[in-house]
C-alpha atoms as a PDB file:
ATOM      1  CA  MET A   1       0.000   0.000   0.000  1.00  0.00           C
ATOM      2  CA  SER A   2       2.712   2.424  -1.081  1.00  0.00           C
ATOM      3  CA  ALA A   3       0.686   5.217  -2.664  1.00  0.00           C
ATOM      4  CA  GLY A   4       0.608   8.502  -0.767  1.00  0.00           C
ATOM      5  CA  GLY A   5       2.665   9.513   2.255  1.00  0.00           C
ATOM      6  CA  ALA A   6       4.204   7.364   4.939  1.00  0.00           C
ATOM      7  CA  LEU A   7       1.702   4.973   6.513  1.00  0.00           C
ATOM      8  CA  ILE A   8       1.425   4.790  10.299  1.00  0.00           C
ATOM      9  CA  GLY A   9      -0.564   1.962  11.864  1.00  0.00           C
ATOM     10  CA  LEU A  10      -2.324   3.183  15.009  1.00  0.00           C
ATOM     11  CA  THR A  11      -3.594   0.548  17.418  1.00  0.00           C
ATOM     12  CA  GLY A  12      -4.459  -0.065  21.052  1.00  0.00           C
ATOM     13  CA  GLY A  13      -6.847  -2.042  23.182  1.00  0.00           C
ATOM     14  CA  ILE A  14     -10.485  -1.171  23.666  1.00  0.00           C
ATOM     15  CA  GLY A  15     -10.785   1.976  25.778  1.00  0.00           C
ATOM     16  CA  SER A  16      -7.155   2.973  25.274  1.00  0.00           C
ATOM     17  CA  GLY A  17      -8.036   6.224  23.507  1.00  0.00           C
ATOM     18  CA  LYS A  18      -7.330   5.474  19.848  1.00  0.00           C
ATOM     19  CA  THR A  19     -10.039   7.823  18.590  1.00  0.00           C
ATOM     20  CA  THR A  20      -8.815  10.713  20.739  1.00  0.00           C
ATOM     21  CA  VAL A  21      -5.282  10.247  19.424  1.00  0.00           C
ATOM     22  CA  ALA A  22      -6.441   9.853  15.808  1.00  0.00           C
ATOM     23  CA  ASN A  23      -8.498  13.055  16.030  1.00  0.00           C
ATOM     24  CA  ALA A  24      -5.478  14.932  17.383  1.00  0.00           C
ATOM     25  CA  PHE A  25      -3.367  13.799  14.427  1.00  0.00           C
ATOM     26  CA  ALA A  26      -6.150  14.752  12.018  1.00  0.00           C
ATOM     27  CA  ALA A  27      -6.243  18.242  13.539  1.00  0.00           C
ATOM     28  CA  LEU A  28      -2.553  18.602  12.641  1.00  0.00           C
ATOM     29  CA  GLY A  29      -3.266  17.664   9.016  1.00  0.00           C
ATOM     30  CA  ALA A  30      -2.601  13.937   8.909  1.00  0.00           C
ATOM     31  CA  ALA A  31      -4.855  11.856   6.678  1.00  0.00           C
ATOM     32  CA  VAL A  32      -6.658   9.471   9.048  1.00  0.00           C
ATOM     33  CA  VAL A  33      -8.495   6.330   7.940  1.00  0.00           C
ATOM     34  CA  ASP A  34     -10.328   4.395  10.666  1.00  0.00           C
ATOM     35  CA  VAL A  35     -11.053   0.742   9.943  1.00  0.00           C
ATOM     36  CA  ASP A  36     -13.819   0.688  12.561  1.00  0.00           C
ATOM     37  CA  GLN A  37     -15.597   3.548  10.803  1.00  0.00           C
ATOM     38  CA  ILE A  38     -15.419   1.636   7.555  1.00  0.00           C
ATOM     39  CA  ALA A  39     -16.847  -1.451   9.268  1.00  0.00           C
ATOM     40  CA  HIS A  40     -19.677   0.645  10.733  1.00  0.00           C
ATOM     41  CA  ALA A  41     -20.508   2.036   7.289  1.00  0.00           C
ATOM     42  CA  LEU A  42     -20.638  -1.468   5.831  1.00  0.00           C
ATOM     43  CA  THR A  43     -23.082  -2.591   8.549  1.00  0.00           C
ATOM     44  CA  GLN A  44     -25.407   0.396   8.599  1.00  0.00           C
ATOM     45  CA  ALA A  45     -28.890   0.062   7.167  1.00  0.00           C
ATOM     46  CA  GLU A  46     -28.418  -0.702   3.463  1.00  0.00           C
ATOM     47  CA  GLY A  47     -24.674  -1.068   4.053  1.00  0.00           C
ATOM     48  CA  ALA A  48     -22.818  -3.238   1.560  1.00  0.00           C
ATOM     49  CA  ALA A  49     -22.404  -6.123   4.022  1.00  0.00           C
ATOM     50  CA  MET A  50     -25.967  -6.310   5.295  1.00  0.00           C
ATOM     51  CA  VAL A  51     -27.465  -8.583   2.646  1.00  0.00           C
ATOM     52  CA  LYS A  52     -24.827 -11.261   3.275  1.00  0.00           C
ATOM     53  CA  ILE A  53     -25.092 -10.852   7.053  1.00  0.00           C
ATOM     54  CA  ARG A  54     -28.864 -11.325   6.942  1.00  0.00           C
ATOM     55  CA  GLN A  55     -28.497 -14.353   4.694  1.00  0.00           C
ATOM     56  CA  GLN A  56     -25.911 -15.913   6.995  1.00  0.00           C
ATOM     57  CA  PHE A  57     -27.329 -15.095  10.423  1.00  0.00           C
ATOM     58  CA  GLY A  58     -31.006 -14.271   9.920  1.00  0.00           C
ATOM     59  CA  ALA A  59     -33.094 -11.387  11.233  1.00  0.00           C
ATOM     60  CA  GLY A  60     -32.050 -11.932  14.850  1.00  0.00           C
ATOM     61  CA  VAL A  61     -28.914  -9.820  14.409  1.00  0.00           C
ATOM     62  CA  ILE A  62     -30.665  -7.041  12.471  1.00  0.00           C
ATOM     63  CA  ALA A  63     -31.942  -3.976  14.363  1.00  0.00           C
ATOM     64  CA  SER A  64     -35.316  -2.411  13.557  1.00  0.00           C
ATOM     65  CA  SER A  65     -33.462   0.294  11.618  1.00  0.00           C
ATOM     66  CA  GLY A  66     -32.059  -2.308   9.246  1.00  0.00           C
ATOM     67  CA  ALA A  67     -28.520  -1.908  10.600  1.00  0.00           C
ATOM     68  CA  LEU A  68     -26.527  -4.607  12.352  1.00  0.00           C
ATOM     69  CA  ASP A  69     -27.624  -5.145  15.954  1.00  0.00           C
ATOM     70  CA  ARG A  70     -24.145  -4.940  17.452  1.00  0.00           C
ATOM     71  CA  ALA A  71     -25.143  -6.151  20.881  1.00  0.00           C
ATOM     72  CA  ALA A  72     -26.819  -9.258  19.453  1.00  0.00           C
ATOM     73  CA  MET A  73     -23.916  -9.983  17.146  1.00  0.00           C
ATOM     74  CA  ARG A  74     -21.387  -9.429  19.933  1.00  0.00           C
ATOM     75  CA  GLN A  75     -23.191 -11.960  22.097  1.00  0.00           C
ATOM     76  CA  LEU A  76     -23.331 -14.447  19.240  1.00  0.00           C
ATOM     77  CA  VAL A  77     -19.663 -14.307  18.243  1.00  0.00           C
ATOM     78  CA  PHE A  78     -18.428 -14.485  21.816  1.00  0.00           C
ATOM     79  CA  THR A  79     -20.365 -17.710  22.411  1.00  0.00           C
ATOM     80  CA  ASP A  80     -19.924 -19.287  18.966  1.00  0.00           C
ATOM     81  CA  PRO A  81     -16.439 -19.285  17.359  1.00  0.00           C
ATOM     82  CA  GLN A  82     -17.883 -20.525  14.079  1.00  0.00           C
ATOM     83  CA  ALA A  83     -20.180 -17.498  13.940  1.00  0.00           C
ATOM     84  CA  ARG A  84     -17.164 -15.254  14.481  1.00  0.00           C
ATOM     85  CA  ASN A  85     -15.376 -16.899  11.571  1.00  0.00           C
ATOM     86  CA  GLN A  86     -18.446 -16.542   9.369  1.00  0.00           C
ATOM     87  CA  LEU A  87     -18.808 -12.856  10.207  1.00  0.00           C
ATOM     88  CA  GLU A  88     -15.138 -12.213   9.559  1.00  0.00           C
ATOM     89  CA  ALA A  89     -15.357 -14.038   6.225  1.00  0.00           C
ATOM     90  CA  ILE A  90     -18.048 -11.566   5.175  1.00  0.00           C
ATOM     91  CA  LEU A  91     -16.601  -8.366   6.590  1.00  0.00           C
ATOM     92  CA  HIS A  92     -12.836  -8.643   6.356  1.00  0.00           C
ATOM     93  CA  PRO A  93     -12.519  -8.735   2.537  1.00  0.00           C
ATOM     94  CA  MET A  94     -14.919  -5.787   2.229  1.00  0.00           C
ATOM     95  CA  ILE A  95     -13.103  -3.827   4.914  1.00  0.00           C
ATOM     96  CA  ALA A  96      -9.721  -4.564   3.314  1.00  0.00           C
ATOM     97  CA  THR A  97     -10.865  -3.378  -0.106  1.00  0.00           C
ATOM     98  CA  GLN A  98     -12.490  -0.196   1.208  1.00  0.00           C
ATOM     99  CA  THR A  99      -9.529   0.597   3.455  1.00  0.00           C
ATOM    100  CA  ARG A 100      -7.064   0.143   0.609  1.00  0.00           C
ATOM    101  CA  GLU A 101      -9.054   2.396  -1.715  1.00  0.00           C
ATOM    102  CA  THR A 102      -9.478   5.066   0.961  1.00  0.00           C
ATOM    103  CA  LEU A 103      -5.777   5.061   1.863  1.00  0.00           C
ATOM    104  CA  ILE A 104      -4.726   5.372  -1.763  1.00  0.00           C
ATOM    105  CA  ALA A 105      -7.001   8.401  -2.167  1.00  0.00           C
ATOM    106  CA  ALA A 106      -6.011   9.950   1.188  1.00  0.00           C
ATOM    107  CA  ASP A 107      -4.486  13.408   1.035  1.00  0.00           C
ATOM    108  CA  GLY A 108      -2.090  14.510   3.763  1.00  0.00           C
ATOM    109  CA  PRO A 109       1.618  14.813   4.602  1.00  0.00           C
ATOM    110  CA  TYR A 110       1.403  11.251   5.962  1.00  0.00           C
ATOM    111  CA  ARG A 111      -1.373   8.738   6.574  1.00  0.00           C
ATOM    112  CA  ILE A 112      -2.612   7.092   9.742  1.00  0.00           C
ATOM    113  CA  VAL A 113      -4.695   3.929   9.573  1.00  0.00           C
ATOM    114  CA  VAL A 114      -6.494   3.092  12.819  1.00  0.00           C
ATOM    115  CA  VAL A 115      -6.663  -0.696  13.180  1.00  0.00           C
ATOM    116  CA  PRO A 116      -7.822  -2.048  16.561  1.00  0.00           C
ATOM    117  CA  LEU A 117      -6.661  -5.574  15.659  1.00  0.00           C
ATOM    118  CA  LEU A 118      -3.491  -4.558  13.838  1.00  0.00           C
ATOM    119  CA  VAL A 119      -1.381  -7.033  15.819  1.00  0.00           C
ATOM    120  CA  GLU A 120      -3.956  -9.822  15.737  1.00  0.00           C
ATOM    121  CA  LYS A 121      -5.308  -9.885  12.192  1.00  0.00           C
ATOM    122  CA  GLY A 122      -4.027  -9.805   8.646  1.00  0.00           C
ATOM    123  CA  ASN A 123      -0.674  -8.583   7.430  1.00  0.00           C
ATOM    124  CA  TRP A 124      -0.784  -4.977   8.611  1.00  0.00           C
ATOM    125  CA  LEU A 125       2.612  -5.240  10.282  1.00  0.00           C
ATOM    126  CA  ASP A 126       4.144  -5.758   6.843  1.00  0.00           C
ATOM    127  CA  GLN A 127       2.232  -2.889   5.252  1.00  0.00           C
ATOM    128  CA  VAL A 128       2.798   0.019   7.631  1.00  0.00           C
ATOM    129  CA  ASP A 129       5.974   2.062   7.994  1.00  0.00           C
ATOM    130  CA  ARG A 130       5.497   2.491  11.759  1.00  0.00           C
ATOM    131  CA  VAL A 131       3.309   0.945  14.476  1.00  0.00           C
ATOM    132  CA  LEU A 132       1.964   3.453  16.995  1.00  0.00           C
ATOM    133  CA  VAL A 133       0.426   1.960  20.143  1.00  0.00           C
ATOM    134  CA  VAL A 134      -1.852   3.960  22.420  1.00  0.00           C
ATOM    135  CA  ASP A 135      -1.228   2.468  25.835  1.00  0.00           C
ATOM    136  CA  CYS A 136      -2.855   2.634  29.266  1.00  0.00           C
ATOM    137  CA  PRO A 137      -3.331   0.285  32.228  1.00  0.00           C
ATOM    138  CA  GLU A 138      -5.871  -2.459  31.652  1.00  0.00           C
ATOM    139  CA  SER A 139      -7.874  -1.382  34.698  1.00  0.00           C
ATOM    140  CA  LEU A 140      -8.324   2.025  33.086  1.00  0.00           C
ATOM    141  CA  GLN A 141      -9.484   0.417  29.835  1.00  0.00           C
ATOM    142  CA  VAL A 142     -12.236  -1.401  31.722  1.00  0.00           C
ATOM    143  CA  GLU A 143     -13.276   1.742  33.568  1.00  0.00           C
ATOM    144  CA  ARG A 144     -13.467   3.846  30.404  1.00  0.00           C
ATOM    145  CA  VAL A 145     -15.468   1.326  28.405  1.00  0.00           C
ATOM    146  CA  MET A 146     -17.949   0.798  31.223  1.00  0.00           C
ATOM    147  CA  GLN A 147     -18.441   4.564  31.517  1.00  0.00           C
ATOM    148  CA  ARG A 148     -19.181   5.033  27.819  1.00  0.00           C
ATOM    149  CA  SER A 149     -21.278   1.912  27.210  1.00  0.00           C
ATOM    150  CA  ALA A 150     -23.792  -0.402  28.800  1.00  0.00           C
ATOM    151  CA  LEU A 151     -21.257  -3.225  29.022  1.00  0.00           C
ATOM    152  CA  THR A 152     -20.510  -4.899  32.317  1.00  0.00           C
ATOM    153  CA  GLN A 153     -17.022  -5.424  33.689  1.00  0.00           C
ATOM    154  CA  SER A 154     -17.058  -9.087  32.695  1.00  0.00           C
ATOM    155  CA  GLN A 155     -18.178  -8.212  29.160  1.00  0.00           C
ATOM    156  CA  VAL A 156     -15.385  -5.676  28.752  1.00  0.00           C
ATOM    157  CA  GLN A 157     -12.854  -8.143  30.081  1.00  0.00           C
ATOM    158  CA  ALA A 158     -14.120 -10.773  27.631  1.00  0.00           C
ATOM    159  CA  ILE A 159     -13.539  -8.350  24.748  1.00  0.00           C
ATOM    160  CA  MET A 160     -10.050  -7.597  26.040  1.00  0.00           C
ATOM    161  CA  ALA A 161      -9.291 -11.316  26.360  1.00  0.00           C
ATOM    162  CA  ALA A 162     -10.099 -11.755  22.660  1.00  0.00           C
ATOM    163  CA  GLN A 163      -7.604  -9.032  21.730  1.00  0.00           C
ATOM    164  CA  ALA A 164      -3.819  -9.057  21.882  1.00  0.00           C
ATOM    165  CA  SER A 165      -2.476  -8.459  25.359  1.00  0.00           C
ATOM    166  CA  ARG A 166      -0.984  -5.142  26.366  1.00  0.00           C
ATOM    167  CA  ALA A 167       2.474  -6.743  26.341  1.00  0.00           C
ATOM    168  CA  GLN A 168       1.968  -8.169  22.843  1.00  0.00           C
ATOM    169  CA  ARG A 169       0.986  -4.776  21.438  1.00  0.00           C
ATOM    170  CA  LEU A 170       3.938  -3.047  23.075  1.00  0.00           C
ATOM    171  CA  GLU A 171       6.281  -5.690  21.686  1.00  0.00           C
ATOM    172  CA  HIS A 172       5.337  -4.607  18.154  1.00  0.00           C
ATOM    173  CA  ALA A 173       5.310  -0.869  18.870  1.00  0.00           C
ATOM    174  CA  ASP A 174       7.695   1.483  17.101  1.00  0.00           C
ATOM    175  CA  ASP A 175       6.133   4.430  18.930  1.00  0.00           C
ATOM    176  CA  ILE A 176       4.058   4.651  22.105  1.00  0.00           C
ATOM    177  CA  ILE A 177       1.645   7.248  23.408  1.00  0.00           C
ATOM    178  CA  GLU A 178       0.784   6.912  27.078  1.00  0.00           C
ATOM    179  CA  ASN A 179      -2.853   7.749  27.732  1.00  0.00           C
ATOM    180  CA  ALA A 180      -3.283   7.270  31.447  1.00  0.00           C
ATOM    181  CA  ALA A 181      -3.558  10.972  32.272  1.00  0.00           C
ATOM    182  CA  GLN A 182      -5.995  13.721  31.306  1.00  0.00           C
ATOM    183  CA  PRO A 183      -7.020  14.044  27.621  1.00  0.00           C
ATOM    184  CA  GLU A 184      -5.075  17.290  27.194  1.00  0.00           C
ATOM    185  CA  ALA A 185      -1.854  15.379  27.875  1.00  0.00           C
ATOM    186  CA  ILE A 186      -2.369  13.654  24.530  1.00  0.00           C
ATOM    187  CA  LEU A 187      -1.798  16.798  22.490  1.00  0.00           C
ATOM    188  CA  ALA A 188       1.866  17.297  23.386  1.00  0.00           C
ATOM    189  CA  GLN A 189       2.637  13.661  22.703  1.00  0.00           C
ATOM    190  CA  VAL A 190       0.901  13.798  19.342  1.00  0.00           C
ATOM    191  CA  ALA A 191       2.810  16.964  18.439  1.00  0.00           C
ATOM    192  CA  THR A 192       6.112  15.192  19.136  1.00  0.00           C
ATOM    193  CA  LEU A 193       5.198  12.263  16.898  1.00  0.00           C
ATOM    194  CA  HIS A 194       3.746  14.547  14.243  1.00  0.00           C
ATOM    195  CA  ARG A 195       7.207  16.057  13.826  1.00  0.00           C
ATOM    196  CA  ARG A 196       8.733  12.586  13.684  1.00  0.00           C
ATOM    197  CA  TYR A 197       6.308  11.469  11.014  1.00  0.00           C
ATOM    198  CA  LEU A 198       6.906  14.540   8.892  1.00  0.00           C
ATOM    199  CA  GLU A 199      10.608  13.628   8.994  1.00  0.00           C
ATOM    200  CA  LEU A 200       9.766  10.044   8.111  1.00  0.00           C
ATOM    201  CA  ASN A 201       7.687  11.190   5.165  1.00  0.00           C
ATOM    202  CA  ALA A 202      10.504  13.412   3.931  1.00  0.00           C
ATOM    203  CA  GLU A 203      12.852  10.430   4.149  1.00  0.00           C
ATOM    204  CA  ARG A 204      10.357   8.344   2.226  1.00  0.00           C
ATOM    205  CA  SER A 205      10.106  10.998  -0.483  1.00  0.00           C
ATOM    206  CA  ARG A 206      13.870  10.998  -0.934  1.00  0.00           C
ATOM    207  CA  SER A 207      13.935   7.261  -1.550  1.00  0.00           C
ATOM    208  CA  SER A 208      12.046   4.866  -3.754  1.00  0.00           C
ATOM    209  CA  GLY A 209      10.402   3.354  -0.678  1.00  0.00           C
ATOM    210  CA  LEU A 210      11.249   2.163   2.795  1.00  0.00           C
ATOM    211  CA  SER A 211      12.783  -1.291   2.916  1.00  0.00           C
ATOM    212  CA  SER A 212      12.534  -1.373   6.705  1.00  0.00           C
ATOM    213  CA  ARG A 213      11.259   0.760   9.563  1.00  0.00           C
ATOM    214  CA  PRO A 214      13.628   3.423  10.909  1.00  0.00           C
ATOM    215  CA  ALA A 215      15.418   2.117  13.980  1.00  0.00           C
ATOM    216  CA  TYR A 216      14.425   4.850  16.425  1.00  0.00           C
ATOM    217  CA  ARG A 217      11.634   4.216  18.909  1.00  0.00           C
ATOM    218  CA  THR A 218       9.598   7.047  20.396  1.00  0.00           C
ATOM    219  CA  ILE A 219       7.943   6.651  23.783  1.00  0.00           C
ATOM    220  CA  CYS A 220       5.989   9.768  24.641  1.00  0.00           C
ATOM    221  CA  PRO A 221       5.280  10.358  28.310  1.00  0.00           C
ATOM    222  CA  PRO A 222       2.281  12.545  29.197  1.00  0.00           C
ATOM    223  CA  GLY A 223       4.454  15.654  29.025  1.00  0.00           C
ATOM    224  CA  GLY A 224       5.167  15.001  25.368  1.00  0.00           C
ATOM    225  CA  SER A 225       8.969  15.126  25.407  1.00  0.00           C
ATOM    226  CA  ASP A 226      10.995  12.275  23.962  1.00  0.00           C
ATOM    227  CA  SER A 227      12.418   9.644  26.287  1.00  0.00           C
END
């Protein structure tokens, strides 16, 4: 996926603050493509995936609006691994195609693709120039998700258990933003990485492509300075 500027893969566990970080990069001019938003569009009423989902799973996972009933589908895939595989077989090719087309058309000094399951699924690690992990303690993830949704603690923990562990994500990270403090602490960290990514994009422009990721690793504490 080489068209356009340097490609940064942004990931993190549920409740880590990926959207907050992505919005901060977008405000600085980065082209941001969110895989979750693409998935939501595909499963809205009359979304491209809905005919196949209805055929596969029946009306029980369809809300009255015609969109996917996310709560019903979440319950189904967490209790039936085969249903999860069937859903992924429908959605993942569509998401991959739409994401690829959107990234190619994206306009910005560099591109950020937000992929919650970047470490777990597909070959994203081979496609991005850098992996940026938004990190926070797991207890804070649970607290945040419970505050913003109707999910119980056990439900949130079940979602987290199905994702890569915090340690696994950090193992693959080229850059890390710590999001355990107040939201405003994000901005300084994003500004630091924004400068890094502009440099990366300039390096990319001077070459025919990046054969490997630059060796530096950036860990941004809440103050935003490099460490």
